[in-house]
Amino acid sequence: MESQSQVSMRKTHHDVIVIGGGSAGYAAARTARDVGADVAIVDQGPLGGLCILRGCMPTKAILRSAEVAALIRRAKEFGLSPLSVQADLSAIVDRKDRLVREFADYRIQQLRDPRFTLYQSRAVFRSPREITVGDSVLSAGSFILATGSRPSEVPIPGLAQAGYFTSDTILDLRIQPGSLIVLGGGAVALELGQFFARLGTRVTILQRGRTLLSEMDEDVGRALEASLLDEGIEVVTDVELLRVTHEATGKRVWVVKDGRERSYVGQEILQALGRQPNIEGLHLDLAEVTVDGGRIVVDGAMRTSQAHIYAVGDVNDVTPIVHLAIQQGEIAAYNATHPGSPAKELDHRLDAEIVFTDPQVAVVGLNEAVCRTDGIPSLTASYPFADHGKALCLGATYGFVKLLCAPPTGELLGAQIVGPEAGELIHELIAVMYYHGTAADLLRMPHYHPTLAEIVTYPAESIVERLGA
């Protein structure tokens, strides 16, 4: 028998309910709305989503300040009078906050579109077909989960007691630390580590993998490491994190390196050891949705173990990158609103990732490690920026471009770029791959001289010559 409170709860039905109003969730809601579905968005706030509030946009805003500072310090190299740069972290954060407010205000305006029903409250499943939202019970034909992620909780003894920042909390830091130990060697760790180093903080990066960016090819991580070392950042790879102690001299991180116990001291610690799906409190057990290792299991159509419940973006941990999360949201919404049509699935052939360090890192498609593991035949060629005219003029000579092509056709399977404007340059290669283009196509396409973009023609030429041999 239902309690009096349960009886009095207002019940409402929608065609599609999207839980989470970030990039993936809004893309799903918009797609479903555009085909005429009655769509509700449930978001407990703050409205805006990870990308706008704590991810892409705030980090890129502060990184720009560090890029400008680093370039000014090189004035003498370019024949200009040396200049002294004094960082004002609080002013940098103020600029970041202004930009984030603008971005968030626009997203909030989108979420409050009268064509949606927006519930600013927490969603809790009570069955596979119903959720509780405040004092309402909502049912739907389909649910799309887009609740994002949060910094991973890593059980390192003493870390919590010593105190640490995450990629979320450090964005509001207004007093620059004299020294910083960064735990992790992924994109977030490296972007934020270099940011603080360029402001004048002494930075030590402790990476558990053999190289930085350990999910990419080893030469990518090595090239970036060389640049960071040249900037004065201490990079220590292949370590086992043991414990953290808080002493009068600072926070000490103990590790095992080359079979020996060592320690590194810093005023502050940035724990950047990844993120985990945000599923706490959803009661997915009552929704009968399968969870494995803390992530929601989905198929290629973004369906969970319940055919009418989808999960998109960071919460499924498939490809936690914004533009791919948006694609997932669009695919899930299409499938939810077209039950009689063949399901759409995400094509991972063009998956790309960019790391906004300096030099930047950008990759698309397959890499050498994947080709070796999966037995995929490929031809590889690379060319260094240190031998490229425009890069020499810019004084940006770290890194390389590497292409992977399929024999005997020369079709481009993947590419890696470490170097200046890599995040922009990779899009030419994505476009060529979209049309199943070849190394020969890259040679036929006109490339203006002198530009950074023409560097892709050199490894392409090498591959074409080998294919013709």
Protein backbone atom coordinates (compact mmCIF):
# COMPACT_ATOMS: atom_id res chain seq x y z
CA MET A 1 0.00 0.00 0.00
CA GLU A 2 1.41 3.42 -0.98
CA SER A 3 2.12 6.00 1.71
CA GLN A 4 0.25 9.31 1.81
CA SER A 5 3.34 11.14 0.46
CA GLN A 6 3.60 8.75 -2.48
CA VAL A 7 -0.09 9.14 -3.30
CA SER A 8 0.18 12.94 -3.29
CA MET A 9 3.15 13.08 -5.67
CA ARG A 10 2.31 14.62 -9.02
CA LYS A 11 2.75 12.22 -11.96
CA THR A 12 3.74 13.42 -15.43
CA HIS A 13 4.62 11.54 -18.61
CA HIS A 14 7.06 12.67 -21.33
CA ASP A 15 8.15 11.00 -24.55
CA VAL A 16 11.84 11.41 -23.70
CA ILE A 17 13.47 12.38 -20.41
CA VAL A 18 17.10 13.49 -20.54
CA ILE A 19 18.89 13.40 -17.20
CA GLY A 20 21.72 15.92 -17.37
CA GLY A 21 21.89 19.19 -19.30
CA GLY A 22 25.54 19.30 -20.36
CA SER A 23 26.89 18.96 -23.89
CA ALA A 24 25.70 15.38 -24.44
CA GLY A 25 22.38 15.87 -22.69
CA TYR A 26 21.49 19.07 -24.49
CA ALA A 27 22.42 17.52 -27.86
CA ALA A 28 20.10 14.61 -27.09
CA ALA A 29 17.25 16.86 -25.95
CA ARG A 30 17.56 19.14 -28.98
CA THR A 31 17.63 16.20 -31.40
CA ALA A 32 14.54 14.60 -29.86
CA ARG A 33 12.69 17.92 -29.73
CA ASP A 34 13.41 18.65 -33.39
CA VAL A 35 11.49 15.53 -34.47
CA GLY A 36 8.47 16.54 -32.40
CA ALA A 37 8.99 14.61 -29.17
CA ASP A 38 7.78 15.90 -25.81
CA VAL A 39 11.15 16.28 -24.07
CA ALA A 40 11.99 16.91 -20.43
CA ILE A 41 15.44 17.78 -19.12
CA VAL A 42 16.28 17.00 -15.50
CA ASP A 43 19.37 18.73 -14.09
CA GLN A 44 19.98 19.44 -10.42
CA GLY A 45 22.45 22.21 -11.32
CA PRO A 46 24.47 24.22 -11.51
CA LEU A 47 23.27 24.47 -15.09
CA GLY A 48 25.83 24.52 -17.87
CA GLY A 49 27.54 21.14 -17.86
CA LEU A 50 31.13 20.05 -17.27
CA CYS A 51 32.57 21.40 -20.53
CA ILE A 52 31.42 24.94 -19.82
CA LEU A 53 31.73 25.07 -16.03
CA ARG A 54 34.77 22.92 -15.20
CA GLY A 55 36.26 21.51 -18.38
CA CYS A 56 37.01 22.71 -21.88
CA MET A 57 36.17 26.38 -21.68
CA PRO A 58 37.62 27.46 -18.31
CA THR A 59 40.83 25.51 -18.86
CA LYS A 60 41.39 26.93 -22.34
CA ALA A 61 40.73 30.42 -20.99
CA ILE A 62 43.47 30.18 -18.36
CA LEU A 63 45.88 28.35 -20.68
CA ARG A 64 45.79 31.33 -23.01
CA SER A 65 47.22 33.54 -20.25
CA ALA A 66 50.13 31.14 -19.76
CA GLU A 67 50.77 30.94 -23.52
CA VAL A 68 51.02 34.72 -23.74
CA ALA A 69 53.34 34.85 -20.72
CA ALA A 70 55.62 32.18 -22.19
CA LEU A 71 55.85 33.99 -25.53
CA ILE A 72 56.60 37.37 -23.92
CA ARG A 73 59.45 35.80 -21.96
CA ARG A 74 60.99 34.76 -25.30
CA ALA A 75 61.04 38.34 -26.62
CA LYS A 76 64.83 38.51 -26.86
CA GLU A 77 64.85 35.42 -29.10
CA PHE A 78 62.83 37.39 -31.65
CA GLY A 79 64.97 40.52 -31.51
CA LEU A 80 62.78 42.39 -29.04
CA SER A 81 63.69 44.03 -25.75
CA PRO A 82 63.37 41.55 -22.88
CA LEU A 83 60.23 42.00 -20.81
CA SER A 84 59.40 41.00 -17.27
CA VAL A 85 56.12 39.12 -16.82
CA GLN A 86 54.39 39.01 -13.47
CA ALA A 87 51.44 36.64 -13.26
CA ASP A 88 48.32 37.66 -11.37
CA LEU A 89 46.47 34.39 -10.82
CA SER A 90 43.44 36.12 -9.34
CA ALA A 91 43.08 38.33 -12.43
CA ILE A 92 43.44 35.27 -14.67
CA VAL A 93 40.65 33.55 -12.73
CA ASP A 94 38.49 36.68 -13.01
CA ARG A 95 38.84 36.61 -16.81
CA LYS A 96 38.04 32.90 -16.84
CA ASP A 97 34.95 33.44 -14.69
CA ARG A 98 33.66 36.21 -16.98
CA LEU A 99 33.97 33.98 -20.04
CA VAL A 100 32.41 30.99 -18.28
CA ARG A 101 29.43 33.10 -17.19
CA GLU A 102 28.85 34.14 -20.80
CA PHE A 103 29.06 30.54 -22.05
CA ALA A 104 26.87 29.25 -19.20
CA ASP A 105 24.24 31.96 -19.65
CA TYR A 106 23.82 30.95 -23.28
CA ARG A 107 23.49 27.24 -22.39
CA ILE A 108 20.98 28.05 -19.62
CA GLN A 109 18.95 30.04 -22.14
CA GLN A 110 18.94 26.97 -24.40
CA LEU A 111 17.85 24.66 -21.56
CA ARG A 112 15.02 27.01 -20.62
CA ASP A 113 13.60 26.96 -24.13
CA PRO A 114 9.81 26.67 -23.64
CA ARG A 115 9.81 23.74 -26.05
CA PHE A 116 11.48 21.73 -23.26
CA THR A 117 10.22 21.03 -19.77
CA LEU A 118 13.13 21.76 -17.43
CA TYR A 119 13.19 20.24 -13.95
CA GLN A 120 15.95 21.71 -11.79
CA SER A 121 16.14 18.90 -9.30
CA ARG A 122 17.81 15.57 -8.67
CA ALA A 123 16.60 12.49 -10.58
CA VAL A 124 16.27 9.15 -8.80
CA PHE A 125 15.00 5.99 -10.48
CA ARG A 126 12.21 4.15 -8.70
CA SER A 127 11.72 1.59 -11.51
CA PRO A 128 12.89 1.12 -15.10
CA ARG A 129 10.03 3.36 -16.24
CA GLU A 130 9.80 6.02 -13.53
CA ILE A 131 11.99 8.57 -11.76
CA THR A 132 11.39 10.79 -8.79
CA VAL A 133 12.18 14.46 -9.35
CA GLY A 134 11.47 16.64 -6.33
CA ASP A 135 7.80 16.16 -5.50
CA SER A 136 7.00 14.68 -8.93
CA VAL A 137 7.09 11.22 -10.42
CA LEU A 138 8.04 11.28 -14.09
CA SER A 139 7.59 8.46 -16.57
CA ALA A 140 8.82 8.30 -20.15
CA GLY A 141 8.95 6.18 -23.24
CA SER A 142 12.73 6.60 -23.21
CA PHE A 143 15.36 7.91 -20.82
CA ILE A 144 18.75 9.29 -21.83
CA LEU A 145 21.33 9.44 -19.04
CA ALA A 146 23.90 12.23 -19.43
CA THR A 147 25.04 12.95 -15.89
CA GLY A 148 28.71 13.39 -16.77
CA SER A 149 31.69 12.63 -14.56
CA ARG A 150 33.63 13.78 -11.54
CA PRO A 151 37.30 13.48 -10.51
CA SER A 152 38.26 9.91 -9.68
CA GLU A 153 38.77 9.01 -6.06
CA VAL A 154 42.15 7.28 -5.85
CA PRO A 155 42.97 5.45 -2.60
CA ILE A 156 46.49 6.76 -1.94
CA PRO A 157 47.24 6.52 1.80
CA GLY A 158 47.58 9.95 3.40
CA LEU A 159 46.42 11.93 0.35
CA ALA A 160 43.08 12.99 1.81
CA GLN A 161 44.70 13.95 5.11
CA ALA A 162 47.38 16.05 3.39
CA GLY A 163 44.82 17.78 1.21
CA TYR A 164 44.83 18.16 -2.56
CA PHE A 165 43.24 19.90 -5.50
CA THR A 166 41.38 18.24 -8.37
CA SER A 167 40.94 19.59 -11.88
CA ASP A 168 37.58 20.94 -10.67
CA THR A 169 38.75 22.76 -7.55
CA ILE A 170 42.09 24.13 -8.77
CA LEU A 171 40.33 26.30 -11.36
CA ASP A 172 39.22 28.61 -8.53
CA LEU A 173 42.64 28.87 -6.87
CA ARG A 174 43.64 32.54 -6.59
CA ILE A 175 46.90 32.28 -4.65
CA GLN A 176 49.68 30.85 -6.77
CA PRO A 177 51.55 28.02 -5.04
CA GLY A 178 55.33 28.12 -4.97
CA SER A 179 55.51 24.46 -5.91
CA LEU A 180 53.04 21.88 -7.16
CA ILE A 181 53.15 18.11 -7.48
CA VAL A 182 50.89 16.80 -10.25
CA LEU A 183 49.72 13.20 -9.95
CA GLY A 184 49.03 11.91 -13.44
CA GLY A 185 50.34 12.24 -16.97
CA GLY A 186 47.14 12.60 -18.99
CA ALA A 187 45.75 15.61 -20.82
CA VAL A 188 44.35 17.42 -17.78
CA ALA A 189 47.46 16.83 -15.67
CA LEU A 190 49.77 18.14 -18.37
CA GLU A 191 47.69 21.16 -19.36
CA LEU A 192 47.30 22.36 -15.79
CA GLY A 193 50.86 21.43 -14.82
CA GLN A 194 52.31 23.48 -17.68
CA PHE A 195 49.94 26.34 -16.88
CA PHE A 196 51.24 26.71 -13.33
CA ALA A 197 54.85 26.21 -14.42
CA ARG A 198 54.53 29.08 -16.90
CA LEU A 199 53.22 31.32 -14.13
CA GLY A 200 56.34 30.58 -12.11
CA THR A 201 55.35 27.62 -9.94
CA ARG A 202 57.91 24.83 -9.59
CA VAL A 203 56.09 21.79 -11.01
CA THR A 204 56.80 18.07 -10.67
CA ILE A 205 54.74 15.59 -12.70
CA LEU A 206 54.52 12.03 -11.39
CA GLN A 207 53.21 9.61 -14.02
CA ARG A 208 52.42 5.94 -13.40
CA GLY A 209 52.80 4.99 -17.07
CA ARG A 210 56.07 4.53 -18.95
CA THR A 211 55.44 7.71 -20.92
CA LEU A 212 53.22 10.77 -20.71
CA LEU A 213 49.88 10.33 -22.51
CA SER A 214 50.42 6.60 -22.13
CA GLU A 215 47.35 5.65 -24.20
CA MET A 216 49.00 7.19 -27.27
CA ASP A 217 52.10 6.04 -29.15
CA GLU A 218 55.28 6.25 -27.10
CA ASP A 219 56.96 8.75 -29.43
CA VAL A 220 54.10 11.20 -28.81
CA GLY A 221 54.66 11.19 -25.05
CA ARG A 222 58.44 11.35 -25.44
CA ALA A 223 58.26 14.40 -27.72
CA LEU A 224 56.00 16.27 -25.32
CA GLU A 225 58.16 15.29 -22.36
CA ALA A 226 61.24 16.78 -24.04
CA SER A 227 59.49 20.11 -24.40
CA LEU A 228 58.22 20.15 -20.82
CA LEU A 229 61.67 19.30 -19.48
CA ASP A 230 63.12 22.17 -21.51
CA GLU A 231 60.69 24.50 -19.75
CA GLY A 232 62.00 23.38 -16.38
CA ILE A 233 59.17 21.02 -15.44
CA GLU A 234 60.32 17.89 -13.62
CA VAL A 235 58.79 14.82 -15.26
CA VAL A 236 59.05 11.45 -13.51
CA THR A 237 57.48 8.48 -15.34
CA ASP A 238 56.95 4.81 -14.53
CA VAL A 239 56.37 5.35 -10.81
CA GLU A 240 54.24 3.55 -8.26
CA LEU A 241 52.45 5.98 -5.96
CA LEU A 242 52.84 4.77 -2.37
CA ARG A 243 51.63 7.36 0.14
CA VAL A 244 51.51 11.04 1.01
CA THR A 245 52.74 12.69 4.19
CA HIS A 246 52.25 16.28 5.35
CA GLU A 247 55.38 17.78 6.85
CA ALA A 248 56.68 21.19 7.84
CA THR A 249 58.44 21.46 4.46
CA GLY A 250 55.28 20.69 2.50
CA LYS A 251 53.33 17.74 1.16
CA ARG A 252 55.58 14.78 0.40
CA VAL A 253 54.60 12.14 -2.15
CA TRP A 254 56.39 8.81 -1.78
CA VAL A 255 56.88 6.63 -4.84
CA VAL A 256 58.80 3.62 -6.08
CA LYS A 257 60.99 4.46 -9.07
CA ASP A 258 63.47 2.00 -10.61
CA GLY A 259 63.00 -0.31 -7.66
CA ARG A 260 63.89 2.36 -5.10
CA GLU A 261 61.69 4.38 -2.79
CA ARG A 262 61.87 8.12 -3.44
CA SER A 263 59.89 11.20 -2.41
CA TYR A 264 58.97 14.56 -3.89
CA VAL A 265 57.87 17.62 -1.91
CA GLY A 266 55.50 20.38 -3.00
CA GLN A 267 53.44 23.10 -1.40
CA GLU A 268 50.30 21.73 -3.07
CA ILE A 269 49.16 18.57 -4.85
CA LEU A 270 46.99 18.30 -7.95
CA GLN A 271 45.35 14.89 -8.15
CA ALA A 272 44.71 14.46 -11.88
CA LEU A 273 44.39 10.69 -12.10
CA GLY A 274 41.30 10.66 -14.28
CA ARG A 275 37.56 11.02 -13.89
CA GLN A 276 34.77 8.59 -13.12
CA PRO A 277 31.14 8.41 -14.27
CA ASN A 278 28.69 10.37 -12.15
CA ILE A 279 26.09 7.74 -11.24
CA GLU A 280 25.82 8.03 -7.46
CA GLY A 281 22.28 8.61 -6.27
CA LEU A 282 20.59 7.61 -9.54
CA HIS A 283 19.59 4.21 -8.07
CA LEU A 284 20.40 2.43 -11.32
CA ASP A 285 19.75 -0.84 -9.51
CA LEU A 286 16.06 0.06 -9.41
CA ALA A 287 16.24 0.91 -13.12
CA GLU A 288 17.79 -2.55 -13.66
CA VAL A 289 20.61 -0.96 -15.66
CA THR A 290 23.89 -2.88 -15.82
CA VAL A 291 26.93 -1.09 -14.37
CA ASP A 292 30.45 -2.49 -14.77
CA GLY A 293 33.45 -0.99 -12.99
CA GLY A 294 31.52 2.16 -12.14
CA ARG A 295 30.40 2.90 -15.71
CA ILE A 296 27.09 2.32 -17.44
CA VAL A 297 27.43 -0.41 -20.07
CA VAL A 298 26.12 0.59 -23.50
CA ASP A 299 26.10 -0.89 -26.99
CA GLY A 300 26.97 0.93 -30.21
CA ALA A 301 23.50 2.47 -30.32
CA MET A 302 24.05 3.93 -26.81
CA ARG A 303 21.46 1.56 -25.30
CA THR A 304 21.96 0.23 -21.79
CA SER A 305 20.79 -3.21 -20.65
CA GLN A 306 17.30 -1.66 -20.70
CA ALA A 307 16.39 -1.10 -24.35
CA HIS A 308 14.52 2.14 -23.59
CA ILE A 309 17.30 3.65 -21.44
CA TYR A 310 20.35 5.19 -23.11
CA ALA A 311 23.58 6.57 -21.62
CA VAL A 312 25.75 9.16 -23.37
CA GLY A 313 28.89 11.18 -22.69
CA ASP A 314 31.23 10.74 -19.74
CA VAL A 315 28.74 8.60 -17.83
CA ASN A 316 29.40 5.62 -20.13
CA ASP A 317 33.16 6.29 -20.24
CA VAL A 318 33.42 5.09 -23.86
CA THR A 319 34.99 8.20 -25.37
CA PRO A 320 34.92 11.01 -22.77
CA ILE A 321 35.52 13.79 -25.28
CA VAL A 322 32.98 16.55 -25.86
CA HIS A 323 32.39 16.38 -29.60
CA LEU A 324 32.01 12.59 -29.36
CA ALA A 325 29.66 12.97 -26.40
CA ILE A 326 27.52 15.29 -28.54
CA GLN A 327 27.45 12.68 -31.32
CA GLN A 328 26.44 10.04 -28.77
CA GLY A 329 23.61 12.27 -27.55
CA GLU A 330 22.33 12.80 -31.09
CA ILE A 331 22.50 9.08 -31.86
CA ALA A 332 20.70 8.11 -28.66
CA ALA A 333 17.95 10.66 -29.28
CA TYR A 334 17.48 9.48 -32.86
CA ASN A 335 17.21 5.86 -31.76
CA ALA A 336 14.84 6.77 -28.92
CA THR A 337 12.50 8.61 -31.30
CA HIS A 338 12.70 6.18 -34.24
CA PRO A 339 11.88 2.79 -32.69
CA GLY A 340 10.84 1.27 -36.01
CA SER A 341 13.96 2.30 -37.92
CA PRO A 342 17.41 0.65 -38.03
CA ALA A 343 19.44 1.91 -35.08
CA LYS A 344 22.20 4.42 -35.69
CA GLU A 345 25.60 3.65 -34.16
CA LEU A 346 28.67 5.76 -33.49
CA ASP A 347 31.48 5.32 -36.02
CA HIS A 348 34.77 5.34 -34.12
CA ARG A 349 36.89 5.50 -37.29
CA LEU A 350 37.33 9.26 -36.93
CA ASP A 351 37.74 9.46 -33.15
CA ALA A 352 40.09 12.34 -32.39
CA GLU A 353 41.68 13.85 -29.29
CA ILE A 354 43.57 17.07 -28.67
CA VAL A 355 45.79 17.97 -25.73
CA PHE A 356 46.18 21.72 -25.35
CA THR A 357 49.72 21.77 -24.04
CA ASP A 358 52.48 23.65 -25.84
CA PRO A 359 53.37 21.97 -28.13
CA GLN A 360 49.86 20.72 -28.70
CA VAL A 361 49.10 17.07 -29.28
CA ALA A 362 46.40 15.94 -31.71
CA VAL A 363 45.55 12.43 -32.85
CA VAL A 364 42.90 10.84 -35.04
CA GLY A 365 42.06 7.28 -35.97
CA LEU A 366 44.45 4.39 -35.45
CA ASN A 367 47.96 4.56 -34.03
CA GLU A 368 50.93 2.23 -34.34
CA ALA A 369 50.25 0.46 -31.04
CA VAL A 370 46.68 -0.43 -32.02
CA CYS A 371 47.78 -1.60 -35.46
CA ARG A 372 50.40 -3.88 -33.89
CA THR A 373 47.98 -5.28 -31.30
CA ASP A 374 45.15 -5.88 -33.77
CA GLY A 375 47.37 -7.05 -36.62
CA ILE A 376 46.33 -4.25 -38.96
CA PRO A 377 48.80 -3.74 -41.83
CA SER A 378 50.03 -0.16 -42.06
CA LEU A 379 52.78 2.04 -43.44
CA THR A 380 54.08 4.83 -41.23
CA ALA A 381 56.08 7.95 -41.96
CA SER A 382 56.84 11.03 -39.89
CA TYR A 383 58.47 14.43 -40.32
CA PRO A 384 59.86 16.75 -37.63
CA PHE A 385 58.84 20.38 -37.11
CA ALA A 386 62.53 21.09 -36.42
CA ASP A 387 63.14 20.74 -40.17
CA HIS A 388 60.05 22.67 -41.30
CA GLY A 389 60.44 26.24 -42.58
CA LYS A 390 57.35 27.87 -41.08
CA ALA A 391 57.93 26.18 -37.70
CA LEU A 392 61.51 27.50 -37.69
CA CYS A 393 60.24 31.01 -38.42
CA LEU A 394 57.81 30.72 -35.51
CA GLY A 395 60.44 29.29 -33.17
CA ALA A 396 58.16 26.28 -32.60
CA THR A 397 60.28 23.29 -33.46
CA TYR A 398 59.30 20.57 -30.98
CA GLY A 399 57.39 17.57 -32.29
CA PHE A 400 56.45 15.91 -35.55
CA VAL A 401 53.65 14.79 -37.84
CA LYS A 402 53.11 11.06 -38.30
CA LEU A 403 50.77 9.42 -40.81
CA LEU A 404 49.55 5.81 -40.86
CA CYS A 405 48.30 4.49 -44.18
CA ALA A 406 46.92 1.17 -45.41
CA PRO A 407 48.87 -0.74 -48.05
CA PRO A 408 48.47 -1.01 -50.95
CA THR A 409 45.94 1.81 -51.39
CA GLY A 410 47.59 4.40 -49.16
CA GLU A 411 44.28 5.22 -47.45
CA LEU A 412 44.89 7.29 -44.33
CA LEU A 413 44.14 5.21 -41.22
CA GLY A 414 45.31 7.65 -38.58
CA ALA A 415 47.61 10.50 -37.72
CA GLN A 416 49.46 11.97 -34.77
CA ILE A 417 50.72 15.52 -34.50
CA VAL A 418 52.89 16.96 -31.75
CA GLY A 419 53.67 20.57 -32.53
CA PRO A 420 52.44 24.12 -33.07
CA GLU A 421 48.70 24.43 -33.74
CA ALA A 422 48.34 20.64 -33.84
CA GLY A 423 44.70 20.98 -32.82
CA GLU A 424 43.97 22.99 -35.94
CA LEU A 425 46.20 21.01 -38.31
CA ILE A 426 44.57 17.67 -37.42
CA HIS A 427 41.30 18.77 -39.00
CA GLU A 428 42.70 18.61 -42.53
CA LEU A 429 43.60 14.98 -41.85
CA ILE A 430 40.18 14.29 -40.33
CA ALA A 431 38.57 15.68 -43.48
CA VAL A 432 40.75 13.51 -45.71
CA MET A 433 39.93 10.44 -43.61
CA TYR A 434 36.21 11.29 -43.70
CA TYR A 435 36.32 10.86 -47.47
CA HIS A 436 38.62 7.80 -47.23
CA GLY A 437 41.41 9.82 -48.80
CA THR A 438 44.96 8.63 -49.36
CA ALA A 439 48.52 9.85 -48.94
CA ALA A 440 48.49 10.59 -52.67
CA ASP A 441 45.44 12.83 -52.14
CA LEU A 442 47.39 14.85 -49.58
CA LEU A 443 50.08 15.42 -52.22
CA ARG A 444 47.55 16.44 -54.88
CA MET A 445 45.85 18.98 -52.60
CA PRO A 446 47.46 22.45 -52.86
CA HIS A 447 49.24 23.59 -49.70
CA TYR A 448 50.23 27.23 -49.44
CA HIS A 449 53.89 28.00 -48.70
CA PRO A 450 55.06 28.79 -46.12
CA THR A 451 52.44 27.34 -43.77
CA LEU A 452 52.43 24.84 -40.96
CA ALA A 453 49.86 22.79 -42.88
CA GLU A 454 52.25 21.88 -45.69
CA ILE A 455 54.25 19.69 -43.28
CA VAL A 456 51.72 16.86 -43.83
CA THR A 457 52.91 16.54 -47.43
CA TYR A 458 56.36 15.32 -46.40
CA PRO A 459 55.37 12.07 -44.66
CA ALA A 460 52.71 11.62 -47.35
CA GLU A 461 55.41 11.81 -50.02
CA SER A 462 57.47 9.20 -48.18
CA ILE A 463 54.53 6.81 -48.03
CA VAL A 464 53.64 7.31 -51.71
CA GLU A 465 57.24 6.54 -52.69
CA ARG A 466 57.22 3.32 -50.67
CA LEU A 467 53.88 2.25 -52.13
CA GLY A 468 55.27 2.77 -55.62
CA ALA A 469 58.40 0.76 -54.94
